[in-house]
Amino acid sequence: MRLGIVADPGLAARLVQSVAKQLPSELREQVHQSGEYDMEVVVRSLPLNEDGVLDVSATAADLAREHDWDLTVVVTELPRRDGTRPLVVDAQPGLRTAIVSLPALGVVRLRARVTAAIARAVSELRASGEPSEDTQVFQTSSGLLGRTRLLIGMIRINRPWRLVPSLSSAMAAAAATAAFGIFYSSIWQMAASLSPLRLSLISVMSIAAMVTWLVAYNRLWDPPSRYHDKDQALLYNVAGISSILVGVTLMYISLYVATVVAAFTVISWEFLGSTLERPAEFTDYLVLSWLSASMGTIAGALGSSAEDDDDIKRATFGNRERERRNARSDNANAPENRSGQGH
């Protein structure tokens, strides 16, 4: 049985390649139909339709003929759903093709889960006899846990930690403002007078301000009017904003750590104590750095205006998510859609 696995470039390809050697033996154990598997892995981004959806009906037959495959499994970084239920496996036996949606597998034990999902896909394709091309077999992940796993999986694929090095101008503005807090004693006194609860509230407000600015200024909110399914629009927007939130939070933590180090380097215990009119404590350095980092993050939001919005989008979204957004944007801007005739 010649099995072809087509993986999206990126995390999907790395996962499939990491399990490729043991996958044939796993298939022999987990798939009810016996037989040997000659497996080939191809890294390729299959085209999306005008709605930004992966539709294998146009490419499955060509792929099978090109590589002489009996069965094809596509492992994609795009989420897929049946109504509100996340799809793990979408098997289309008539096309001898199945799609495994990586986000629905979550973020833990990914190698084991992707192996099990591919085995389930192969099992469904082999068990279906001679179905029509319209036949589909779904494996869904229902309930709150399944939807939460899908959302976390989408955030993981977006790799939000890449946002930090992409915000060089924002980091420069944030660092300069945080340095102001280190060198001005009035900030030390203010920080020492604030309760941990109030400092936490300031942190939340500063992070929220930067997330809001990045979303609005770089037009990262996907308009729900482009979707027939409002729940789908909500899913993509929540995943996008959550990815930005994770990235900004990582930036805040990095800024805070750098500010603590700078504060210990620049401010002596004696001078800090004389300014506060009491013996200095270790926590004083932490709270003045806390307030300074929050001030710097708010300034960083304005500094992010200097960043290229394409760089922000590349850092915020995975490759396939950017392709999906571009496909939907092009479709929404097409003349027939602008005239109201495209839905």
C-alpha atoms as a PDB file:
ATOM      1  CA  MET A   1       0.000   0.000   0.000  1.00  0.00           C
ATOM      2  CA  ARG A   2       1.645   3.219  -1.173  1.00  0.00           C
ATOM      3  CA  LEU A   3       0.826   5.987   1.286  1.00  0.00           C
ATOM      4  CA  GLY A   4       1.600   9.626   0.622  1.00  0.00           C
ATOM      5  CA  ILE A   5       1.649  12.203   3.417  1.00  0.00           C
ATOM      6  CA  VAL A   6       1.524  15.847   2.355  1.00  0.00           C
ATOM      7  CA  ALA A   7       2.536  18.178   5.199  1.00  0.00           C
ATOM      8  CA  ASP A   8       2.322  21.943   5.371  1.00  0.00           C
ATOM      9  CA  PRO A   9       5.751  23.604   5.706  1.00  0.00           C
ATOM     10  CA  GLY A  10       6.556  24.419   9.308  1.00  0.00           C
ATOM     11  CA  LEU A  11       5.420  22.578  12.415  1.00  0.00           C
ATOM     12  CA  ALA A  12       3.334  20.055  10.454  1.00  0.00           C
ATOM     13  CA  ALA A  13       6.316  19.045   8.316  1.00  0.00           C
ATOM     14  CA  ARG A  14       8.641  18.763  11.321  1.00  0.00           C
ATOM     15  CA  LEU A  15       6.181  16.576  13.201  1.00  0.00           C
ATOM     16  CA  VAL A  16       5.503  14.254  10.271  1.00  0.00           C
ATOM     17  CA  GLN A  17       9.199  13.892   9.501  1.00  0.00           C
ATOM     18  CA  SER A  18       9.947  13.137  13.155  1.00  0.00           C
ATOM     19  CA  VAL A  19       7.476  10.215  13.214  1.00  0.00           C
ATOM     20  CA  ALA A  20       8.026   9.011   9.630  1.00  0.00           C
ATOM     21  CA  LYS A  21      10.345   6.120  10.517  1.00  0.00           C
ATOM     22  CA  GLN A  22       8.072   4.490  13.075  1.00  0.00           C
ATOM     23  CA  LEU A  23       4.803   5.358  11.308  1.00  0.00           C
ATOM     24  CA  PRO A  24       4.627   2.252   9.020  1.00  0.00           C
ATOM     25  CA  SER A  25       4.948  -0.095  12.010  1.00  0.00           C
ATOM     26  CA  GLU A  26       2.364   1.950  13.932  1.00  0.00           C
ATOM     27  CA  LEU A  27      -0.012   1.664  10.973  1.00  0.00           C
ATOM     28  CA  ARG A  28       0.390  -2.117  10.868  1.00  0.00           C
ATOM     29  CA  GLU A  29      -0.510  -2.288  14.565  1.00  0.00           C
ATOM     30  CA  GLN A  30      -3.369   0.228  14.643  1.00  0.00           C
ATOM     31  CA  VAL A  31      -5.101  -0.230  11.278  1.00  0.00           C
ATOM     32  CA  HIS A  32      -7.370  -3.273  11.197  1.00  0.00           C
ATOM     33  CA  GLN A  33      -6.582  -4.139   7.583  1.00  0.00           C
ATOM     34  CA  SER A  34      -3.221  -5.870   7.403  1.00  0.00           C
ATOM     35  CA  GLY A  35      -0.503  -5.052   4.913  1.00  0.00           C
ATOM     36  CA  GLU A  36       2.818  -3.343   4.396  1.00  0.00           C
ATOM     37  CA  TYR A  37       3.119   0.400   3.799  1.00  0.00           C
ATOM     38  CA  ASP A  38       5.502   2.145   1.447  1.00  0.00           C
ATOM     39  CA  MET A  39       5.337   5.709   2.737  1.00  0.00           C
ATOM     40  CA  GLU A  40       6.471   8.972   1.148  1.00  0.00           C
ATOM     41  CA  VAL A  41       6.429  12.390   2.835  1.00  0.00           C
ATOM     42  CA  VAL A  42       6.063  15.517   0.706  1.00  0.00           C
ATOM     43  CA  VAL A  43       6.273  19.041   2.169  1.00  0.00           C
ATOM     44  CA  ARG A  44       3.948  21.268   0.181  1.00  0.00           C
ATOM     45  CA  SER A  45       1.336  23.973   0.735  1.00  0.00           C
ATOM     46  CA  LEU A  46      -1.767  22.849  -1.120  1.00  0.00           C
ATOM     47  CA  PRO A  47      -3.802  25.737  -2.549  1.00  0.00           C
ATOM     48  CA  LEU A  48      -6.756  27.245  -0.696  1.00  0.00           C
ATOM     49  CA  ASN A  49     -10.049  28.152  -2.305  1.00  0.00           C
ATOM     50  CA  GLU A  50     -11.355  31.716  -2.454  1.00  0.00           C
ATOM     51  CA  ASP A  51     -12.822  31.373   1.055  1.00  0.00           C
ATOM     52  CA  GLY A  52      -9.438  30.425   2.491  1.00  0.00           C
ATOM     53  CA  VAL A  53     -10.465  26.772   2.982  1.00  0.00           C
ATOM     54  CA  LEU A  54      -8.290  23.781   2.151  1.00  0.00           C
ATOM     55  CA  ASP A  55     -10.204  21.796  -0.514  1.00  0.00           C
ATOM     56  CA  VAL A  56      -8.388  18.677  -1.670  1.00  0.00           C
ATOM     57  CA  SER A  57     -10.943  17.711  -4.324  1.00  0.00           C
ATOM     58  CA  ALA A  58      -9.068  19.676  -6.998  1.00  0.00           C
ATOM     59  CA  THR A  59      -5.612  18.299  -6.153  1.00  0.00           C
ATOM     60  CA  ALA A  60      -6.069  14.806  -4.692  1.00  0.00           C
ATOM     61  CA  ALA A  61      -6.237  12.923  -8.004  1.00  0.00           C
ATOM     62  CA  ASP A  62      -3.283  14.842  -9.458  1.00  0.00           C
ATOM     63  CA  LEU A  63      -1.158  14.158  -6.377  1.00  0.00           C
ATOM     64  CA  ALA A  64      -1.976  10.451  -6.435  1.00  0.00           C
ATOM     65  CA  ARG A  65      -1.123  10.156 -10.124  1.00  0.00           C
ATOM     66  CA  GLU A  66       2.062  12.217  -9.787  1.00  0.00           C
ATOM     67  CA  HIS A  67       3.467  10.066  -6.983  1.00  0.00           C
ATOM     68  CA  ASP A  68       1.652   6.783  -7.689  1.00  0.00           C
ATOM     69  CA  TRP A  69      -0.015   6.765  -4.259  1.00  0.00           C
ATOM     70  CA  ASP A  70      -2.876   4.501  -3.221  1.00  0.00           C
ATOM     71  CA  LEU A  71      -3.843   6.718  -0.275  1.00  0.00           C
ATOM     72  CA  THR A  72      -3.088  10.339   0.575  1.00  0.00           C
ATOM     73  CA  VAL A  73      -3.114  11.984   4.002  1.00  0.00           C
ATOM     74  CA  VAL A  74      -2.755  15.774   4.217  1.00  0.00           C
ATOM     75  CA  VAL A  75      -1.495  17.181   7.538  1.00  0.00           C
ATOM     76  CA  THR A  76      -2.391  20.859   7.660  1.00  0.00           C
ATOM     77  CA  GLU A  77      -1.851  23.699  10.103  1.00  0.00           C
ATOM     78  CA  LEU A  78      -5.304  25.090   9.290  1.00  0.00           C
ATOM     79  CA  PRO A  79      -8.186  24.414  11.686  1.00  0.00           C
ATOM     80  CA  ARG A  80     -11.210  22.554  10.356  1.00  0.00           C
ATOM     81  CA  ARG A  81     -14.646  22.276  11.929  1.00  0.00           C
ATOM     82  CA  ASP A  82     -17.941  20.463  11.535  1.00  0.00           C
ATOM     83  CA  GLY A  83     -20.318  23.124  12.780  1.00  0.00           C
ATOM     84  CA  THR A  84     -18.811  24.165  16.099  1.00  0.00           C
ATOM     85  CA  ARG A  85     -16.961  20.862  16.621  1.00  0.00           C
ATOM     86  CA  PRO A  86     -13.244  20.799  15.775  1.00  0.00           C
ATOM     87  CA  LEU A  87     -12.324  18.242  13.124  1.00  0.00           C
ATOM     88  CA  VAL A  88      -9.319  16.065  13.879  1.00  0.00           C
ATOM     89  CA  VAL A  89      -9.659  13.850  10.802  1.00  0.00           C
ATOM     90  CA  ASP A  90     -11.690  14.579   7.674  1.00  0.00           C
ATOM     91  CA  ALA A  91     -11.564  11.418   5.549  1.00  0.00           C
ATOM     92  CA  GLN A  92     -12.893  11.529   1.992  1.00  0.00           C
ATOM     93  CA  PRO A  93     -12.767   7.890   0.850  1.00  0.00           C
ATOM     94  CA  GLY A  94     -14.073   8.643  -2.628  1.00  0.00           C
ATOM     95  CA  LEU A  95     -10.954  10.712  -3.208  1.00  0.00           C
ATOM     96  CA  ARG A  96      -8.744   8.214  -1.320  1.00  0.00           C
ATOM     97  CA  THR A  97      -7.646  11.252   0.665  1.00  0.00           C
ATOM     98  CA  ALA A  98      -7.923  12.383   4.299  1.00  0.00           C
ATOM     99  CA  ILE A  99      -7.037  15.614   6.073  1.00  0.00           C
ATOM    100  CA  VAL A 100      -5.551  15.757   9.571  1.00  0.00           C
ATOM    101  CA  SER A 101      -5.955  19.154  11.240  1.00  0.00           C
ATOM    102  CA  LEU A 102      -2.954  19.829  13.453  1.00  0.00           C
ATOM    103  CA  PRO A 103      -4.499  22.584  15.657  1.00  0.00           C
ATOM    104  CA  ALA A 104      -7.190  20.174  16.878  1.00  0.00           C
ATOM    105  CA  LEU A 105      -4.459  18.012  18.430  1.00  0.00           C
ATOM    106  CA  GLY A 106      -3.524  20.717  20.963  1.00  0.00           C
ATOM    107  CA  VAL A 107       0.042  21.276  22.161  1.00  0.00           C
ATOM    108  CA  VAL A 108       1.008  18.269  24.311  1.00  0.00           C
ATOM    109  CA  ARG A 109       2.091  14.801  23.114  1.00  0.00           C
ATOM    110  CA  LEU A 110       1.897  16.040  19.550  1.00  0.00           C
ATOM    111  CA  ARG A 111       4.005  13.239  18.061  1.00  0.00           C
ATOM    112  CA  ALA A 112       1.799  10.547  19.578  1.00  0.00           C
ATOM    113  CA  ARG A 113      -1.365  12.388  18.614  1.00  0.00           C
ATOM    114  CA  VAL A 114      -0.356  13.062  15.025  1.00  0.00           C
ATOM    115  CA  THR A 115       0.634   9.393  14.647  1.00  0.00           C
ATOM    116  CA  ALA A 116      -2.745   8.277  16.010  1.00  0.00           C
ATOM    117  CA  ALA A 117      -4.602  10.742  13.778  1.00  0.00           C
ATOM    118  CA  ILE A 118      -2.790   9.548  10.634  1.00  0.00           C
ATOM    119  CA  ALA A 119      -3.529   5.939  11.611  1.00  0.00           C
ATOM    120  CA  ARG A 120      -7.210   6.819  12.082  1.00  0.00           C
ATOM    121  CA  ALA A 121      -7.247   8.542   8.683  1.00  0.00           C
ATOM    122  CA  VAL A 122      -5.712   5.523   6.937  1.00  0.00           C
ATOM    123  CA  SER A 123      -8.105   3.178   8.729  1.00  0.00           C
ATOM    124  CA  GLU A 124     -11.134   5.182   7.570  1.00  0.00           C
ATOM    125  CA  LEU A 125      -9.879   5.291   3.980  1.00  0.00           C
ATOM    126  CA  ARG A 126      -9.254   1.531   3.877  1.00  0.00           C
ATOM    127  CA  ALA A 127     -12.512   0.554   5.583  1.00  0.00           C
ATOM    128  CA  SER A 128     -14.865   2.431   3.303  1.00  0.00           C
ATOM    129  CA  GLY A 129     -15.117   0.054   0.351  1.00  0.00           C
ATOM    130  CA  GLU A 130     -16.220   1.854  -2.815  1.00  0.00           C
ATOM    131  CA  PRO A 131     -17.843   5.089  -1.616  1.00  0.00           C
ATOM    132  CA  SER A 132     -18.884   8.009  -3.792  1.00  0.00           C
ATOM    133  CA  GLU A 133     -16.743  11.112  -4.006  1.00  0.00           C
ATOM    134  CA  ASP A 134     -19.195  12.917  -1.717  1.00  0.00           C
ATOM    135  CA  THR A 135     -18.651  10.492   1.170  1.00  0.00           C
ATOM    136  CA  GLN A 136     -16.925  12.005   4.193  1.00  0.00           C
ATOM    137  CA  VAL A 137     -15.990  10.437   7.525  1.00  0.00           C
ATOM    138  CA  PHE A 138     -15.289  12.810  10.393  1.00  0.00           C
ATOM    139  CA  GLN A 139     -13.432  12.403  13.641  1.00  0.00           C
ATOM    140  CA  THR A 140     -14.405  15.323  15.815  1.00  0.00           C
ATOM    141  CA  SER A 141     -13.254  16.613  19.176  1.00  0.00           C
ATOM    142  CA  SER A 142     -16.416  17.826  20.881  1.00  0.00           C
ATOM    143  CA  GLY A 143     -17.095  19.752  24.044  1.00  0.00           C
ATOM    144  CA  LEU A 144     -15.323  22.599  25.742  1.00  0.00           C
ATOM    145  CA  LEU A 145     -12.083  20.625  26.026  1.00  0.00           C
ATOM    146  CA  GLY A 146     -11.970  20.034  22.270  1.00  0.00           C
ATOM    147  CA  ARG A 147     -12.625  23.684  21.440  1.00  0.00           C
ATOM    148  CA  THR A 148     -10.050  24.818  24.006  1.00  0.00           C
ATOM    149  CA  ARG A 149      -7.489  22.391  22.582  1.00  0.00           C
ATOM    150  CA  LEU A 150      -8.194  23.743  19.089  1.00  0.00           C
ATOM    151  CA  LEU A 151      -7.705  27.343  20.216  1.00  0.00           C
ATOM    152  CA  ILE A 152      -4.451  26.551  22.038  1.00  0.00           C
ATOM    153  CA  GLY A 153      -3.265  24.584  19.013  1.00  0.00           C
ATOM    154  CA  MET A 154      -3.942  27.566  16.739  1.00  0.00           C
ATOM    155  CA  ILE A 155      -1.962  29.837  19.062  1.00  0.00           C
ATOM    156  CA  ARG A 156       0.941  27.357  19.121  1.00  0.00           C
ATOM    157  CA  ILE A 157       1.069  27.244  15.328  1.00  0.00           C
ATOM    158  CA  ASN A 158       1.121  31.047  15.177  1.00  0.00           C
ATOM    159  CA  ARG A 159       4.345  30.940  17.267  1.00  0.00           C
ATOM    160  CA  PRO A 160       3.648  34.194  19.154  1.00  0.00           C
ATOM    161  CA  TRP A 161       7.156  34.318  20.658  1.00  0.00           C
ATOM    162  CA  ARG A 162       8.368  35.522  17.242  1.00  0.00           C
ATOM    163  CA  LEU A 163       6.586  38.813  17.911  1.00  0.00           C
ATOM    164  CA  VAL A 164       9.221  39.968  20.415  1.00  0.00           C
ATOM    165  CA  PRO A 165      12.183  40.349  17.989  1.00  0.00           C
ATOM    166  CA  SER A 166       9.837  41.832  15.381  1.00  0.00           C
ATOM    167  CA  LEU A 167       8.936  44.724  17.694  1.00  0.00           C
ATOM    168  CA  SER A 168      12.371  46.335  17.659  1.00  0.00           C
ATOM    169  CA  SER A 169      11.061  49.924  17.596  1.00  0.00           C
ATOM    170  CA  ALA A 170       8.527  49.140  20.298  1.00  0.00           C
ATOM    171  CA  MET A 171      11.215  47.514  22.446  1.00  0.00           C
ATOM    172  CA  ALA A 172      13.482  50.533  21.999  1.00  0.00           C
ATOM    173  CA  ALA A 173      10.718  52.902  23.106  1.00  0.00           C
ATOM    174  CA  ALA A 174       9.782  50.608  25.990  1.00  0.00           C
ATOM    175  CA  ALA A 175      13.388  50.276  27.166  1.00  0.00           C
ATOM    176  CA  ALA A 176      13.949  54.039  27.024  1.00  0.00           C
ATOM    177  CA  THR A 177      10.831  54.701  29.098  1.00  0.00           C
ATOM    178  CA  ALA A 178      11.687  51.941  31.566  1.00  0.00           C
ATOM    179  CA  ALA A 179      15.136  53.523  31.960  1.00  0.00           C
ATOM    180  CA  PHE A 180      13.372  56.754  32.916  1.00  0.00           C
ATOM    181  CA  GLY A 181      11.859  54.853  35.834  1.00  0.00           C
ATOM    182  CA  ILE A 182      15.268  53.640  36.927  1.00  0.00           C
ATOM    183  CA  PHE A 183      16.942  57.054  36.898  1.00  0.00           C
ATOM    184  CA  TYR A 184      14.171  59.168  38.448  1.00  0.00           C
ATOM    185  CA  SER A 185      13.717  58.811  42.188  1.00  0.00           C
ATOM    186  CA  SER A 186      10.110  60.026  42.103  1.00  0.00           C
ATOM    187  CA  ILE A 187       9.219  56.781  40.280  1.00  0.00           C
ATOM    188  CA  TRP A 188      10.899  54.800  43.084  1.00  0.00           C
ATOM    189  CA  GLN A 189       8.771  56.539  45.698  1.00  0.00           C
ATOM    190  CA  MET A 190       5.608  56.069  43.686  1.00  0.00           C
ATOM    191  CA  ALA A 191       6.316  52.365  43.151  1.00  0.00           C
ATOM    192  CA  ALA A 192       7.047  51.816  46.858  1.00  0.00           C
ATOM    193  CA  SER A 193       3.704  53.373  47.768  1.00  0.00           C
ATOM    194  CA  LEU A 194       1.646  51.159  45.419  1.00  0.00           C
ATOM    195  CA  SER A 195       0.096  47.893  46.545  1.00  0.00           C
ATOM    196  CA  PRO A 196       0.760  44.668  44.605  1.00  0.00           C
ATOM    197  CA  LEU A 197      -2.878  44.695  43.483  1.00  0.00           C
ATOM    198  CA  ARG A 198      -2.574  48.185  42.014  1.00  0.00           C
ATOM    199  CA  LEU A 199       0.738  47.298  40.342  1.00  0.00           C
ATOM    200  CA  SER A 200      -0.899  44.202  38.853  1.00  0.00           C
ATOM    201  CA  LEU A 201      -3.758  46.321  37.524  1.00  0.00           C
ATOM    202  CA  ILE A 202      -1.265  48.719  35.930  1.00  0.00           C
ATOM    203  CA  SER A 203       0.510  45.761  34.299  1.00  0.00           C
ATOM    204  CA  VAL A 204      -2.744  44.406  32.878  1.00  0.00           C
ATOM    205  CA  MET A 205      -3.705  47.836  31.563  1.00  0.00           C
ATOM    206  CA  SER A 206      -0.314  48.361  29.913  1.00  0.00           C
ATOM    207  CA  ILE A 207      -0.368  44.963  28.198  1.00  0.00           C
ATOM    208  CA  ALA A 208      -3.990  45.493  27.118  1.00  0.00           C
ATOM    209  CA  ALA A 209      -3.085  48.915  25.700  1.00  0.00           C
ATOM    210  CA  MET A 210      -0.299  47.473  23.574  1.00  0.00           C
ATOM    211  CA  VAL A 211      -2.411  44.545  22.352  1.00  0.00           C
ATOM    212  CA  THR A 212      -5.251  46.904  21.412  1.00  0.00           C
ATOM    213  CA  TRP A 213      -2.872  49.240  19.605  1.00  0.00           C
ATOM    214  CA  LEU A 214      -1.228  46.428  17.637  1.00  0.00           C
ATOM    215  CA  VAL A 215      -4.583  44.949  16.602  1.00  0.00           C
ATOM    216  CA  ALA A 216      -6.111  48.282  15.585  1.00  0.00           C
ATOM    217  CA  TYR A 217      -3.090  49.914  13.962  1.00  0.00           C
ATOM    218  CA  ASN A 218      -2.047  46.841  11.964  1.00  0.00           C
ATOM    219  CA  ARG A 219      -5.637  45.839  11.078  1.00  0.00           C
ATOM    220  CA  LEU A 220      -5.274  42.370  12.590  1.00  0.00           C
ATOM    221  CA  TRP A 221      -8.996  42.043  13.358  1.00  0.00           C
ATOM    222  CA  ASP A 222     -10.647  39.904  10.685  1.00  0.00           C
ATOM    223  CA  PRO A 223     -14.058  41.522   9.949  1.00  0.00           C
ATOM    224  CA  PRO A 224     -16.902  39.080  10.747  1.00  0.00           C
ATOM    225  CA  SER A 225     -18.776  40.437   7.726  1.00  0.00           C
ATOM    226  CA  ARG A 226     -16.410  38.378   5.536  1.00  0.00           C
ATOM    227  CA  TYR A 227     -17.726  35.142   7.049  1.00  0.00           C
ATOM    228  CA  HIS A 228     -20.971  33.276   6.571  1.00  0.00           C
ATOM    229  CA  ASP A 229     -20.302  31.589   9.935  1.00  0.00           C
ATOM    230  CA  LYS A 230     -19.912  34.143  12.748  1.00  0.00           C
ATOM    231  CA  ASP A 231     -18.615  31.451  15.121  1.00  0.00           C
ATOM    232  CA  GLN A 232     -15.760  30.815  12.710  1.00  0.00           C
ATOM    233  CA  ALA A 233     -14.947  34.536  12.600  1.00  0.00           C
ATOM    234  CA  LEU A 234     -14.911  34.596  16.403  1.00  0.00           C
ATOM    235  CA  LEU A 235     -12.573  31.584  16.537  1.00  0.00           C
ATOM    236  CA  TYR A 236     -10.015  33.111  14.175  1.00  0.00           C
ATOM    237  CA  ASN A 237     -10.119  36.506  15.873  1.00  0.00           C
ATOM    238  CA  VAL A 238      -9.810  35.058  19.377  1.00  0.00           C
ATOM    239  CA  ALA A 239      -6.850  32.944  18.224  1.00  0.00           C
ATOM    240  CA  GLY A 240      -5.201  35.948  16.597  1.00  0.00           C
ATOM    241  CA  ILE A 241      -5.671  38.273  19.562  1.00  0.00           C
ATOM    242  CA  SER A 242      -4.578  35.546  21.990  1.00  0.00           C
ATOM    243  CA  SER A 243      -1.396  35.052  19.939  1.00  0.00           C
ATOM    244  CA  ILE A 244      -0.668  38.779  20.159  1.00  0.00           C
ATOM    245  CA  LEU A 245      -1.427  38.730  23.891  1.00  0.00           C
ATOM    246  CA  VAL A 246       1.081  35.918  24.439  1.00  0.00           C
ATOM    247  CA  GLY A 247       3.708  37.762  22.378  1.00  0.00           C
ATOM    248  CA  VAL A 248       3.209  41.063  24.218  1.00  0.00           C
ATOM    249  CA  THR A 249       3.251  39.284  27.587  1.00  0.00           C
ATOM    250  CA  LEU A 250       6.586  37.697  26.690  1.00  0.00           C
ATOM    251  CA  MET A 251       7.877  41.124  25.703  1.00  0.00           C
ATOM    252  CA  TYR A 252       6.705  42.540  29.033  1.00  0.00           C
ATOM    253  CA  ILE A 253       8.450  39.769  30.969  1.00  0.00           C
ATOM    254  CA  SER A 254      11.671  40.311  29.003  1.00  0.00           C
ATOM    255  CA  LEU A 255      11.498  44.046  29.671  1.00  0.00           C
ATOM    256  CA  TYR A 256      10.844  43.471  33.366  1.00  0.00           C
ATOM    257  CA  VAL A 257      13.822  41.125  33.760  1.00  0.00           C
ATOM    258  CA  ALA A 258      16.098  43.571  31.929  1.00  0.00           C
ATOM    259  CA  THR A 259      14.822  46.431  34.106  1.00  0.00           C
ATOM    260  CA  VAL A 260      15.472  44.499  37.329  1.00  0.00           C
ATOM    261  CA  VAL A 261      19.045  43.808  36.230  1.00  0.00           C
ATOM    262  CA  ALA A 262      19.567  47.450  35.287  1.00  0.00           C
ATOM    263  CA  ALA A 263      18.089  48.668  38.573  1.00  0.00           C
ATOM    264  CA  PHE A 264      20.441  46.487  40.633  1.00  0.00           C
ATOM    265  CA  THR A 265      23.349  47.676  38.502  1.00  0.00           C
ATOM    266  CA  VAL A 266      22.621  51.415  38.627  1.00  0.00           C
ATOM    267  CA  ILE A 267      20.984  52.034  42.020  1.00  0.00           C
ATOM    268  CA  SER A 268      22.933  51.388  45.207  1.00  0.00           C
ATOM    269  CA  TRP A 269      21.196  50.089  48.321  1.00  0.00           C
ATOM    270  CA  GLU A 270      22.264  53.171  50.298  1.00  0.00           C
ATOM    271  CA  PHE A 271      20.995  55.674  47.751  1.00  0.00           C
ATOM    272  CA  LEU A 272      17.680  53.848  47.338  1.00  0.00           C
ATOM    273  CA  GLY A 273      17.245  53.736  51.112  1.00  0.00           C
ATOM    274  CA  SER A 274      18.022  57.438  51.524  1.00  0.00           C
ATOM    275  CA  THR A 275      15.457  58.298  48.827  1.00  0.00           C
ATOM    276  CA  LEU A 276      12.757  56.141  50.412  1.00  0.00           C
ATOM    277  CA  GLU A 277      13.751  57.408  53.886  1.00  0.00           C
ATOM    278  CA  ARG A 278      14.021  53.853  55.239  1.00  0.00           C
ATOM    279  CA  PRO A 279      16.349  50.882  54.767  1.00  0.00           C
ATOM    280  CA  ALA A 280      16.125  49.566  51.228  1.00  0.00           C
ATOM    281  CA  GLU A 281      14.798  46.059  50.669  1.00  0.00           C
ATOM    282  CA  PHE A 282      15.115  43.567  47.845  1.00  0.00           C
ATOM    283  CA  THR A 283      11.433  43.983  47.005  1.00  0.00           C
ATOM    284  CA  ASP A 284      11.959  47.705  46.413  1.00  0.00           C
ATOM    285  CA  TYR A 285      14.031  46.908  43.347  1.00  0.00           C
ATOM    286  CA  LEU A 286      11.330  44.541  42.140  1.00  0.00           C
ATOM    287  CA  VAL A 287       8.457  46.998  42.518  1.00  0.00           C
ATOM    288  CA  LEU A 288      10.258  49.968  40.937  1.00  0.00           C
ATOM    289  CA  SER A 289      11.182  47.712  37.999  1.00  0.00           C
ATOM    290  CA  TRP A 290       7.565  46.523  37.896  1.00  0.00           C
ATOM    291  CA  LEU A 291       6.206  50.042  37.545  1.00  0.00           C
ATOM    292  CA  SER A 292       8.963  51.025  35.102  1.00  0.00           C
ATOM    293  CA  ALA A 293       8.256  48.012  32.868  1.00  0.00           C
ATOM    294  CA  SER A 294       4.549  48.895  32.800  1.00  0.00           C
ATOM    295  CA  MET A 295       5.358  52.476  31.822  1.00  0.00           C
ATOM    296  CA  GLY A 296       7.718  51.184  29.148  1.00  0.00           C
ATOM    297  CA  THR A 297       5.105  48.842  27.700  1.00  0.00           C
ATOM    298  CA  ILE A 298       2.632  51.679  27.234  1.00  0.00           C
ATOM    299  CA  ALA A 299       5.324  53.689  25.453  1.00  0.00           C
ATOM    300  CA  GLY A 300       6.175  50.620  23.402  1.00  0.00           C
ATOM    301  CA  ALA A 301       2.638  50.547  22.035  1.00  0.00           C
ATOM    302  CA  LEU A 302       3.223  53.931  20.428  1.00  0.00           C
ATOM    303  CA  GLY A 303       6.681  52.855  19.300  1.00  0.00           C
ATOM    304  CA  SER A 304       5.180  49.875  17.478  1.00  0.00           C
ATOM    305  CA  SER A 305       3.698  52.315  14.952  1.00  0.00           C
ATOM    306  CA  ALA A 306       7.122  52.425  13.341  1.00  0.00           C
ATOM    307  CA  GLU A 307       7.047  48.701  12.587  1.00  0.00           C
ATOM    308  CA  ASP A 308       6.101  47.403   9.153  1.00  0.00           C
ATOM    309  CA  ASP A 309       2.624  45.861   9.370  1.00  0.00           C
ATOM    310  CA  ASP A 310       3.679  42.974   7.109  1.00  0.00           C
ATOM    311  CA  ASP A 311       6.468  42.132   9.565  1.00  0.00           C
ATOM    312  CA  ILE A 312       3.932  42.202  12.410  1.00  0.00           C
ATOM    313  CA  LYS A 313       1.603  39.868  10.531  1.00  0.00           C
ATOM    314  CA  ARG A 314       4.435  37.473   9.676  1.00  0.00           C
ATOM    315  CA  ALA A 315       5.399  37.373  13.346  1.00  0.00           C
ATOM    316  CA  THR A 316       1.817  37.019  14.564  1.00  0.00           C
ATOM    317  CA  PHE A 317       0.399  34.404  12.212  1.00  0.00           C
ATOM    318  CA  GLY A 318       1.642  31.102  10.815  1.00  0.00           C
ATOM    319  CA  ASN A 319       2.209  30.692   7.079  1.00  0.00           C
ATOM    320  CA  ARG A 320      -1.103  28.993   6.386  1.00  0.00           C
ATOM    321  CA  GLU A 321      -3.078  31.458   8.481  1.00  0.00           C
ATOM    322  CA  ARG A 322      -1.587  34.351   6.484  1.00  0.00           C
ATOM    323  CA  GLU A 323      -2.490  32.541   3.255  1.00  0.00           C
ATOM    324  CA  ARG A 324      -6.028  32.050   4.536  1.00  0.00           C
ATOM    325  CA  ARG A 325      -6.404  35.702   5.488  1.00  0.00           C
ATOM    326  CA  ASN A 326      -4.998  36.845   2.145  1.00  0.00           C
ATOM    327  CA  ALA A 327      -7.374  34.551   0.253  1.00  0.00           C
ATOM    328  CA  ARG A 328     -10.378  35.850   2.164  1.00  0.00           C
ATOM    329  CA  SER A 329      -9.212  39.446   1.790  1.00  0.00           C
ATOM    330  CA  ASP A 330      -8.769  39.049  -1.964  1.00  0.00           C
ATOM    331  CA  ASN A 331     -12.199  37.461  -2.218  1.00  0.00           C
ATOM    332  CA  ALA A 332     -13.796  40.232  -0.152  1.00  0.00           C
ATOM    333  CA  ASN A 333     -12.155  42.909  -2.327  1.00  0.00           C
ATOM    334  CA  ALA A 334     -13.185  41.306  -5.614  1.00  0.00           C
ATOM    335  CA  PRO A 335     -15.506  43.520  -7.725  1.00  0.00           C
ATOM    336  CA  GLU A 336     -18.492  41.190  -7.463  1.00  0.00           C
ATOM    337  CA  ASN A 337     -18.198  41.101  -3.672  1.00  0.00           C
ATOM    338  CA  ARG A 338     -17.876  44.875  -3.394  1.00  0.00           C
ATOM    339  CA  SER A 339     -21.099  45.172  -5.355  1.00  0.00           C
ATOM    340  CA  GLY A 340     -22.842  42.806  -2.919  1.00  0.00           C
ATOM    341  CA  GLN A 341     -23.168  39.890  -5.326  1.00  0.00           C
ATOM    342  CA  GLY A 342     -20.445  37.617  -4.056  1.00  0.00           C
ATOM    343  CA  HIS A 343     -22.168  35.786  -1.164  1.00  0.00           C
END
